[in-house]
Amino acid sequence: MESFYRTHNYLLEHLGNPVRRELMREIDWSHRLIGIKGSRGVGKTTFLLQYARERFATDDRSCLYINLNNLYFTDHTLDDFATTFYRQGGRTLLIDQVFKYPEWSEALRRCHDTLPELQIIFTGSTVMRLKEENPLLDGLVASYNLRGFSFREYLNIKSGLSFHTYTLSEILSNHEAISQAITSRVNPLEYFDGYLHHGYYPFFLDKSNFSENLIKTINMMMEIDIMLLKQLELSYLPKLRRLLYLVFKQSPGTFNVSRLSQETQISRATVMNYIKCFKDARLINMLYRENESYPQKPAMLYLHNPNLIYSNRSLQADRQAVCETFFYNTVHSCHSLNLGSNSVRFVVDGLHSFRIITQRSKVRMSGDMYYVIDNMSTGANKNIPLWLFGFLY
């Protein structure tokens, strides 16, 4: 137990000053069992440690961070560890990478039922289904998603300022005043391209090579978040990598299941299953027409966030694709999106139509559509700067 406390203290001492994530405010911390899901690389470990530092004194032994990657748990049960921690006065157990522990959901349920004053906060992959595939935890666990940095968070880091979030309705109804208030303090366009290239994943803060880190992260998503958690045979990995490359190459756009099946030597049904795995791992997003959903074929595929577009150096980053991917990613965090008809690229919540414009060209305006403009500081009427949607979270 003492070695775990030493690790806990060491990690807190070397945490630095991470950005306080918006999710920290959104979570109801009164729940006894809290699950925090997020794609690989978005900062789940840092989030847990930041919570410990904010809520508990350094010498407070009632809180402890553990990582189930630790080989200790190959020969000791989580139940016994939690019980020992509880008997010694522990009341908040922070568990990282819970899916590395066999039958983790059963172990969490037993800890919840037998240790009545213990709070467990754990992290896991977005591929996990905390409730749908784990009926033992249904009704017990409060599940939250930790997203990558928003443009607002990135701008706060880079500028040293502290901007707050805005709702979609606030942006649509008052975007001129909001953008003017922000641009009076900083020029967001000076930072926007940097965010699109490398601002979504927190490891851009490290001094190591961002592109190499992102490539490693993508491979770990396939090898661990998909292959391990979905219990796929490792021999399928080359085909999975090939499929992901083809999807990256064609996104955003429609896709032909039969062609992908032929080019990867994967059955049509399995191609669709793998596409869903890519979505669950936060590698892609699927855009459907209204009143359609999985397992139907999506109308279009997008990469999950614009940083992923730049991860493949063999492909030229198309500005329209980058901007549409940014809009989808940031708006999808809080709202539903569908493919509209004709020139309407996105319909949000079934109510608002949006078209993304990347050039200052003449556009035939429609009174019932919002135009989201790239490289614009402040807008007017229904012309809204693209960067402003990065303030939704």
Protein backbone atom coordinates (compact mmCIF):
# COMPACT_ATOMS: atom_id res chain seq x y z
CA MET A 1 0.00 0.00 0.00
CA GLU A 2 2.82 2.43 0.86
CA SER A 3 4.33 2.11 -2.60
CA PHE A 4 1.01 3.18 -4.12
CA TYR A 5 0.93 6.26 -1.86
CA ARG A 6 4.49 7.12 -2.89
CA THR A 7 3.52 6.88 -6.57
CA HIS A 8 0.41 8.96 -5.89
CA ASN A 9 2.44 11.72 -4.21
CA TYR A 10 5.15 11.66 -6.87
CA LEU A 11 2.61 12.06 -9.69
CA LEU A 12 0.91 14.97 -7.91
CA GLU A 13 4.24 16.70 -7.27
CA HIS A 14 5.17 16.45 -10.95
CA LEU A 15 1.75 17.27 -12.36
CA GLY A 16 2.62 20.85 -13.20
CA ASN A 17 -0.26 23.24 -13.83
CA PRO A 18 -2.64 21.53 -16.23
CA VAL A 19 -5.55 23.35 -17.77
CA ARG A 20 -8.74 22.93 -15.76
CA ARG A 21 -11.09 21.04 -18.04
CA GLU A 22 -14.71 22.07 -18.45
CA LEU A 23 -15.78 18.55 -17.47
CA MET A 24 -14.46 19.17 -13.95
CA ARG A 25 -17.35 21.61 -13.47
CA GLU A 26 -19.96 19.46 -15.21
CA ILE A 27 -19.54 16.29 -13.13
CA ASP A 28 -21.80 15.65 -10.15
CA TRP A 29 -19.12 14.54 -7.71
CA SER A 30 -21.65 13.30 -5.15
CA HIS A 31 -22.03 9.96 -6.99
CA ARG A 32 -20.25 7.02 -5.40
CA LEU A 33 -19.35 5.43 -8.73
CA ILE A 34 -18.19 7.74 -11.53
CA GLY A 35 -16.88 6.56 -14.89
CA ILE A 36 -14.88 8.92 -17.10
CA LYS A 37 -14.50 7.73 -20.66
CA GLY A 38 -12.33 9.34 -23.28
CA SER A 39 -10.31 8.49 -26.33
CA ARG A 40 -6.65 7.71 -25.89
CA GLY A 41 -4.50 10.80 -25.49
CA VAL A 42 -7.13 13.31 -24.29
CA GLY A 43 -5.76 13.53 -20.73
CA LYS A 44 -7.78 11.15 -18.53
CA THR A 45 -4.87 10.41 -16.18
CA THR A 46 -4.11 14.11 -15.75
CA PHE A 47 -7.79 14.73 -15.10
CA LEU A 48 -7.86 12.22 -12.22
CA LEU A 49 -4.68 13.61 -10.68
CA GLN A 50 -5.93 17.17 -11.00
CA TYR A 51 -9.11 16.21 -9.17
CA ALA A 52 -7.03 14.68 -6.36
CA ARG A 53 -4.90 17.80 -6.04
CA GLU A 54 -7.88 20.15 -6.05
CA ARG A 55 -9.96 18.24 -3.49
CA PHE A 56 -7.40 16.70 -1.11
CA ALA A 57 -4.33 17.89 0.75
CA THR A 58 -1.01 16.29 -0.17
CA ASP A 59 -0.85 14.32 3.09
CA ASP A 60 -4.54 13.29 3.00
CA ARG A 61 -4.48 9.50 2.76
CA SER A 62 -8.23 9.25 2.24
CA CYS A 63 -7.65 9.66 -1.53
CA LEU A 64 -5.45 7.40 -3.64
CA TYR A 65 -4.69 7.12 -7.37
CA ILE A 66 -3.90 3.66 -8.78
CA ASN A 67 -3.29 2.41 -12.32
CA LEU A 68 -4.53 -1.09 -13.08
CA ASN A 69 -1.63 -1.49 -15.50
CA ASN A 70 0.41 -2.20 -12.37
CA LEU A 71 1.61 -5.81 -12.30
CA TYR A 72 0.57 -5.96 -8.63
CA PHE A 73 -2.98 -6.62 -9.81
CA THR A 74 -1.98 -9.77 -11.65
CA ASP A 75 -1.59 -11.47 -8.27
CA HIS A 76 -3.91 -9.41 -6.04
CA THR A 77 -7.59 -8.65 -6.45
CA LEU A 78 -9.02 -5.19 -6.75
CA ASP A 79 -11.59 -6.13 -4.10
CA ASP A 80 -8.90 -6.93 -1.52
CA PHE A 81 -6.93 -3.80 -2.35
CA ALA A 82 -10.01 -1.58 -2.04
CA THR A 83 -10.98 -3.24 1.25
CA THR A 84 -7.53 -2.68 2.74
CA PHE A 85 -7.56 0.94 1.55
CA TYR A 86 -11.03 1.43 3.06
CA ARG A 87 -10.09 -0.07 6.43
CA GLN A 88 -7.12 2.29 6.63
CA GLY A 89 -9.41 5.30 6.21
CA GLY A 90 -9.51 5.51 2.41
CA ARG A 91 -12.69 6.99 1.00
CA THR A 92 -11.91 8.07 -2.59
CA LEU A 93 -10.19 5.60 -4.92
CA LEU A 94 -9.12 6.91 -8.33
CA ILE A 95 -8.69 3.99 -10.74
CA ASP A 96 -6.96 4.53 -14.08
CA GLN A 97 -7.36 2.14 -17.06
CA VAL A 98 -9.96 -0.01 -15.36
CA PHE A 99 -10.41 -2.18 -18.45
CA LYS A 100 -6.95 -3.69 -17.89
CA TYR A 101 -8.44 -5.64 -14.97
CA PRO A 102 -10.30 -8.89 -15.80
CA GLU A 103 -14.01 -8.74 -14.95
CA TRP A 104 -13.61 -5.14 -13.85
CA SER A 105 -17.34 -4.42 -13.80
CA GLU A 106 -18.01 -7.26 -11.34
CA ALA A 107 -15.16 -6.05 -9.11
CA LEU A 108 -16.49 -2.47 -9.11
CA ARG A 109 -19.97 -3.71 -8.22
CA ARG A 110 -18.64 -5.74 -5.28
CA CYS A 111 -16.63 -2.77 -4.00
CA HIS A 112 -19.68 -0.54 -4.30
CA ASP A 113 -21.90 -2.98 -2.40
CA THR A 114 -19.51 -3.99 0.38
CA LEU A 115 -17.75 -0.67 1.09
CA PRO A 116 -20.63 1.76 1.67
CA GLU A 117 -18.60 4.95 2.16
CA LEU A 118 -16.12 4.38 -0.65
CA GLN A 119 -16.26 6.55 -3.75
CA ILE A 120 -14.67 5.13 -6.89
CA ILE A 121 -13.80 7.35 -9.85
CA PHE A 122 -12.41 5.38 -12.78
CA THR A 123 -11.30 6.00 -16.35
CA GLY A 124 -11.84 3.82 -19.37
CA SER A 125 -11.86 3.73 -23.12
CA THR A 126 -14.67 5.16 -25.23
CA VAL A 127 -15.00 1.68 -26.72
CA MET A 128 -16.33 0.46 -23.36
CA ARG A 129 -20.07 0.31 -22.85
CA LEU A 130 -20.49 1.07 -19.17
CA LYS A 131 -24.23 0.48 -19.08
CA GLU A 132 -25.29 -1.30 -22.27
CA GLU A 133 -22.79 -4.16 -21.89
CA ASN A 134 -22.51 -4.09 -18.10
CA PRO A 135 -25.95 -4.56 -16.51
CA LEU A 136 -24.24 -4.96 -13.14
CA LEU A 137 -23.40 -1.25 -13.20
CA ASP A 138 -26.65 0.00 -14.71
CA GLY A 139 -28.22 2.52 -12.38
CA LEU A 140 -25.05 2.76 -10.27
CA VAL A 141 -22.43 4.43 -12.43
CA ALA A 142 -22.58 8.05 -13.54
CA SER A 143 -20.82 8.11 -16.91
CA TYR A 144 -19.09 11.15 -18.43
CA ASN A 145 -16.98 11.78 -21.53
CA LEU A 146 -13.70 13.67 -21.45
CA ARG A 147 -13.13 15.28 -24.83
CA GLY A 148 -9.95 16.67 -26.31
CA PHE A 149 -9.19 20.36 -25.92
CA SER A 150 -11.72 22.73 -27.40
CA PHE A 151 -10.44 25.75 -29.29
CA ARG A 152 -11.44 27.85 -26.27
CA GLU A 153 -9.25 25.77 -23.97
CA TYR A 154 -6.37 25.88 -26.45
CA LEU A 155 -6.73 29.66 -26.80
CA ASN A 156 -6.75 30.07 -23.02
CA ILE A 157 -3.49 28.09 -22.80
CA LYS A 158 -1.74 29.97 -25.57
CA SER A 159 -2.95 33.47 -24.71
CA GLY A 160 -2.90 33.23 -20.93
CA LEU A 161 -6.47 34.56 -20.86
CA SER A 162 -9.58 32.93 -19.42
CA PHE A 163 -12.57 32.82 -21.76
CA HIS A 164 -15.75 30.99 -20.76
CA THR A 165 -18.08 28.82 -22.82
CA TYR A 166 -21.18 29.84 -24.76
CA THR A 167 -24.21 27.77 -25.70
CA LEU A 168 -25.19 27.24 -29.29
CA SER A 169 -28.29 29.38 -28.84
CA GLU A 170 -26.15 32.22 -27.46
CA ILE A 171 -23.81 32.02 -30.43
CA LEU A 172 -26.64 31.96 -32.97
CA SER A 173 -28.51 34.87 -31.43
CA ASN A 174 -25.62 37.04 -30.25
CA HIS A 175 -22.49 36.04 -32.16
CA GLU A 176 -21.58 39.58 -33.21
CA ALA A 177 -21.31 40.90 -29.66
CA ILE A 178 -19.61 37.72 -28.41
CA SER A 179 -16.96 37.69 -31.13
CA GLN A 180 -16.32 41.43 -30.71
CA ALA A 181 -15.83 40.97 -26.97
CA ILE A 182 -13.30 38.19 -27.60
CA THR A 183 -11.44 39.87 -30.47
CA SER A 184 -11.08 43.06 -28.42
CA ARG A 185 -8.74 41.05 -26.16
CA VAL A 186 -7.06 38.64 -28.59
CA ASN A 187 -7.05 37.75 -32.27
CA PRO A 188 -8.38 34.15 -32.39
CA LEU A 189 -7.31 33.73 -36.00
CA GLU A 190 -3.65 33.92 -34.94
CA TYR A 191 -4.19 30.68 -32.99
CA PHE A 192 -6.86 28.88 -34.99
CA ASP A 193 -4.66 27.15 -37.56
CA GLY A 194 -2.40 25.90 -34.77
CA TYR A 195 -5.40 24.38 -33.03
CA LEU A 196 -6.61 22.69 -36.21
CA HIS A 197 -3.17 21.16 -36.70
CA HIS A 198 -2.24 20.10 -33.15
CA GLY A 199 -4.52 21.59 -30.51
CA TYR A 200 -7.04 18.85 -29.77
CA TYR A 201 -4.75 16.43 -27.93
CA PRO A 202 -3.06 17.69 -24.74
CA PHE A 203 0.29 16.17 -25.63
CA PHE A 204 0.99 19.17 -27.85
CA LEU A 205 2.12 20.68 -24.53
CA ASP A 206 4.98 18.18 -24.37
CA LYS A 207 8.29 19.05 -25.94
CA SER A 208 8.35 15.79 -27.88
CA ASN A 209 7.27 15.52 -31.52
CA PHE A 210 3.49 15.98 -31.74
CA SER A 211 3.05 14.11 -35.03
CA GLU A 212 4.92 11.07 -33.78
CA ASN A 213 2.89 11.06 -30.55
CA LEU A 214 -0.34 11.24 -32.51
CA ILE A 215 0.67 8.36 -34.78
CA LYS A 216 1.55 6.27 -31.72
CA THR A 217 -1.80 7.17 -30.19
CA ILE A 218 -3.69 6.11 -33.32
CA ASN A 219 -1.90 2.76 -33.33
CA MET A 220 -2.63 2.22 -29.63
CA MET A 221 -6.30 2.96 -30.31
CA MET A 222 -6.32 0.15 -32.86
CA GLU A 223 -4.20 -2.31 -30.90
CA ILE A 224 -5.72 -1.79 -27.45
CA ASP A 225 -9.01 0.11 -27.65
CA ILE A 226 -10.23 -1.96 -30.60
CA MET A 227 -8.26 -5.21 -30.84
CA LEU A 228 -8.04 -5.89 -27.10
CA LEU A 229 -11.39 -4.61 -25.90
CA LYS A 230 -13.31 -6.06 -28.85
CA GLN A 231 -11.32 -9.29 -28.48
CA LEU A 232 -10.20 -9.40 -32.10
CA GLU A 233 -7.39 -11.68 -33.20
CA LEU A 234 -4.08 -9.88 -33.64
CA SER A 235 -3.70 -11.39 -37.10
CA TYR A 236 -6.48 -9.05 -38.26
CA LEU A 237 -4.48 -5.94 -37.38
CA PRO A 238 -2.86 -5.40 -40.83
CA LYS A 239 -6.29 -5.45 -42.49
CA LEU A 240 -7.65 -3.11 -39.83
CA ARG A 241 -4.79 -0.68 -40.45
CA ARG A 242 -5.39 -0.87 -44.19
CA LEU A 243 -9.08 -0.14 -43.72
CA LEU A 244 -8.35 2.83 -41.46
CA TYR A 245 -5.92 4.24 -44.04
CA LEU A 246 -8.56 4.01 -46.78
CA VAL A 247 -11.15 5.66 -44.53
CA PHE A 248 -8.70 8.46 -43.70
CA LYS A 249 -7.99 8.87 -47.41
CA GLN A 250 -11.68 9.18 -48.34
CA SER A 251 -12.84 11.36 -45.44
CA PRO A 252 -14.86 13.42 -45.43
CA GLY A 253 -17.09 11.84 -47.99
CA THR A 254 -19.29 8.93 -48.88
CA PHE A 255 -17.83 5.46 -48.89
CA ASN A 256 -18.41 2.30 -50.85
CA VAL A 257 -18.62 -0.75 -48.57
CA SER A 258 -18.15 -3.20 -51.44
CA ARG A 259 -15.00 -1.45 -52.64
CA LEU A 260 -13.55 -1.27 -49.14
CA SER A 261 -14.34 -4.95 -48.73
CA GLN A 262 -12.49 -5.82 -51.93
CA GLU A 263 -9.46 -3.64 -51.18
CA THR A 264 -9.03 -5.01 -47.65
CA GLN A 265 -10.21 -8.60 -48.18
CA ILE A 266 -12.71 -8.10 -45.34
CA SER A 267 -16.36 -9.11 -45.63
CA ARG A 268 -18.93 -6.34 -46.10
CA ALA A 269 -20.53 -7.00 -42.70
CA THR A 270 -17.15 -6.93 -40.97
CA VAL A 271 -16.22 -3.67 -42.72
CA MET A 272 -19.28 -2.04 -41.17
CA ASN A 273 -18.42 -3.52 -37.76
CA TYR A 274 -14.89 -2.14 -37.99
CA ILE A 275 -16.20 1.27 -39.08
CA LYS A 276 -18.32 1.29 -35.91
CA CYS A 277 -15.22 0.36 -33.88
CA PHE A 278 -13.36 3.32 -35.40
CA LYS A 279 -16.21 5.57 -34.33
CA ASP A 280 -16.29 4.17 -30.78
CA ALA A 281 -12.53 4.71 -30.51
CA ARG A 282 -13.00 8.36 -31.56
CA LEU A 283 -11.10 7.95 -34.80
CA ILE A 284 -14.02 8.87 -37.05
CA ASN A 285 -17.49 10.36 -36.93
CA MET A 286 -20.45 9.09 -38.92
CA LEU A 287 -22.93 11.56 -40.40
CA TYR A 288 -26.41 10.24 -41.13
CA ARG A 289 -29.38 11.69 -42.90
CA GLU A 290 -32.27 12.56 -40.65
CA ASN A 291 -34.24 9.56 -39.33
CA GLU A 292 -31.35 7.20 -40.13
CA SER A 293 -28.85 5.62 -37.73
CA TYR A 294 -26.53 2.67 -37.23
CA PRO A 295 -26.55 -0.14 -38.37
CA GLN A 296 -27.55 1.62 -41.57
CA LYS A 297 -24.67 2.88 -43.68
CA PRO A 298 -23.90 6.52 -42.84
CA ALA A 299 -24.26 9.14 -45.55
CA MET A 300 -20.75 10.44 -44.91
CA LEU A 301 -17.66 9.71 -42.84
CA TYR A 302 -15.57 12.37 -41.12
CA LEU A 303 -12.40 12.00 -39.12
CA HIS A 304 -13.08 12.59 -35.45
CA ASN A 305 -11.09 15.83 -35.19
CA PRO A 306 -8.99 17.96 -37.56
CA ASN A 307 -5.66 16.95 -35.97
CA LEU A 308 -6.17 13.47 -37.41
CA ILE A 309 -6.29 14.88 -40.93
CA TYR A 310 -2.74 16.17 -40.54
CA SER A 311 -1.50 12.89 -39.05
CA ASN A 312 -1.21 11.29 -42.49
CA ARG A 313 1.60 13.12 -44.21
CA SER A 314 1.00 11.29 -47.48
CA LEU A 315 -2.33 13.07 -47.89
CA GLN A 316 -2.87 16.74 -48.65
CA ALA A 317 -5.04 18.47 -46.04
CA ASP A 318 -8.01 20.02 -47.82
CA ARG A 319 -9.15 23.22 -46.10
CA GLN A 320 -12.84 22.53 -46.64
CA ALA A 321 -12.44 19.09 -45.11
CA VAL A 322 -10.51 20.50 -42.14
CA CYS A 323 -13.13 23.17 -41.44
CA GLU A 324 -16.09 20.81 -41.76
CA THR A 325 -14.35 18.29 -39.49
CA PHE A 326 -13.76 21.00 -36.88
CA PHE A 327 -17.40 22.08 -36.99
CA TYR A 328 -18.69 18.51 -36.72
CA ASN A 329 -16.37 17.67 -33.84
CA THR A 330 -17.02 20.73 -31.71
CA VAL A 331 -20.79 20.93 -32.27
CA HIS A 332 -21.26 17.17 -31.88
CA SER A 333 -19.95 17.42 -28.32
CA CYS A 334 -23.31 18.80 -27.19
CA HIS A 335 -25.70 18.42 -30.11
CA SER A 336 -26.91 15.99 -32.76
CA LEU A 337 -25.93 16.50 -36.40
CA ASN A 338 -27.40 15.14 -39.61
CA LEU A 339 -26.70 15.59 -43.28
CA GLY A 340 -29.01 18.11 -44.90
CA SER A 341 -30.18 18.29 -48.47
CA ASN A 342 -28.67 20.19 -51.39
CA SER A 343 -26.13 22.75 -50.10
CA VAL A 344 -27.00 22.17 -46.44
CA ARG A 345 -24.05 20.25 -45.03
CA PHE A 346 -25.24 20.02 -41.44
CA VAL A 347 -28.62 20.08 -39.71
CA VAL A 348 -28.16 20.55 -35.96
CA ASP A 349 -30.76 19.18 -33.53
CA GLY A 350 -33.17 18.92 -36.45
CA LEU A 351 -33.65 22.71 -36.28
CA HIS A 352 -30.74 24.71 -37.70
CA SER A 353 -29.13 24.42 -41.13
CA PHE A 354 -25.44 25.21 -41.62
CA ARG A 355 -23.11 25.56 -44.56
CA ILE A 356 -19.35 25.85 -44.08
CA ILE A 357 -17.63 28.45 -46.28
CA THR A 358 -13.85 28.51 -46.65
CA GLN A 359 -13.46 31.26 -49.24
CA ARG A 360 -14.64 34.83 -49.47
CA SER A 361 -16.55 34.08 -52.62
CA LYS A 362 -20.02 35.18 -53.53
CA VAL A 363 -22.53 32.83 -51.99
CA ARG A 364 -26.20 32.86 -52.78
CA MET A 365 -27.68 33.43 -49.35
CA SER A 366 -30.72 31.57 -48.07
CA GLY A 367 -32.75 33.18 -45.31
CA ASP A 368 -33.16 29.99 -43.29
CA MET A 369 -29.49 28.93 -43.28
CA TYR A 370 -26.48 29.89 -41.17
CA TYR A 371 -23.18 30.42 -42.98
CA VAL A 372 -20.11 29.47 -40.98
CA ILE A 373 -17.15 31.39 -42.39
CA ASP A 374 -13.50 30.41 -42.16
CA ASN A 375 -10.88 33.14 -41.68
CA MET A 376 -13.41 35.68 -40.39
CA SER A 377 -12.90 37.58 -37.13
CA THR A 378 -16.45 38.78 -36.55
CA GLY A 379 -19.62 38.09 -38.45
CA ALA A 380 -22.93 39.75 -39.18
CA ASN A 381 -26.50 38.54 -39.39
CA LYS A 382 -26.34 34.83 -40.25
CA ASN A 383 -22.66 34.84 -41.18
CA ILE A 384 -20.78 33.46 -38.17
CA PRO A 385 -17.01 33.00 -37.72
CA LEU A 386 -16.00 29.35 -37.70
CA TRP A 387 -13.64 29.70 -34.74
CA LEU A 388 -16.45 30.87 -32.46
CA PHE A 389 -18.01 27.38 -32.43
CA GLY A 390 -14.88 26.28 -30.60
CA PHE A 391 -16.32 28.00 -27.51
CA LEU A 392 -19.16 25.49 -27.07
CA TYR A 393 -17.18 23.64 -24.39
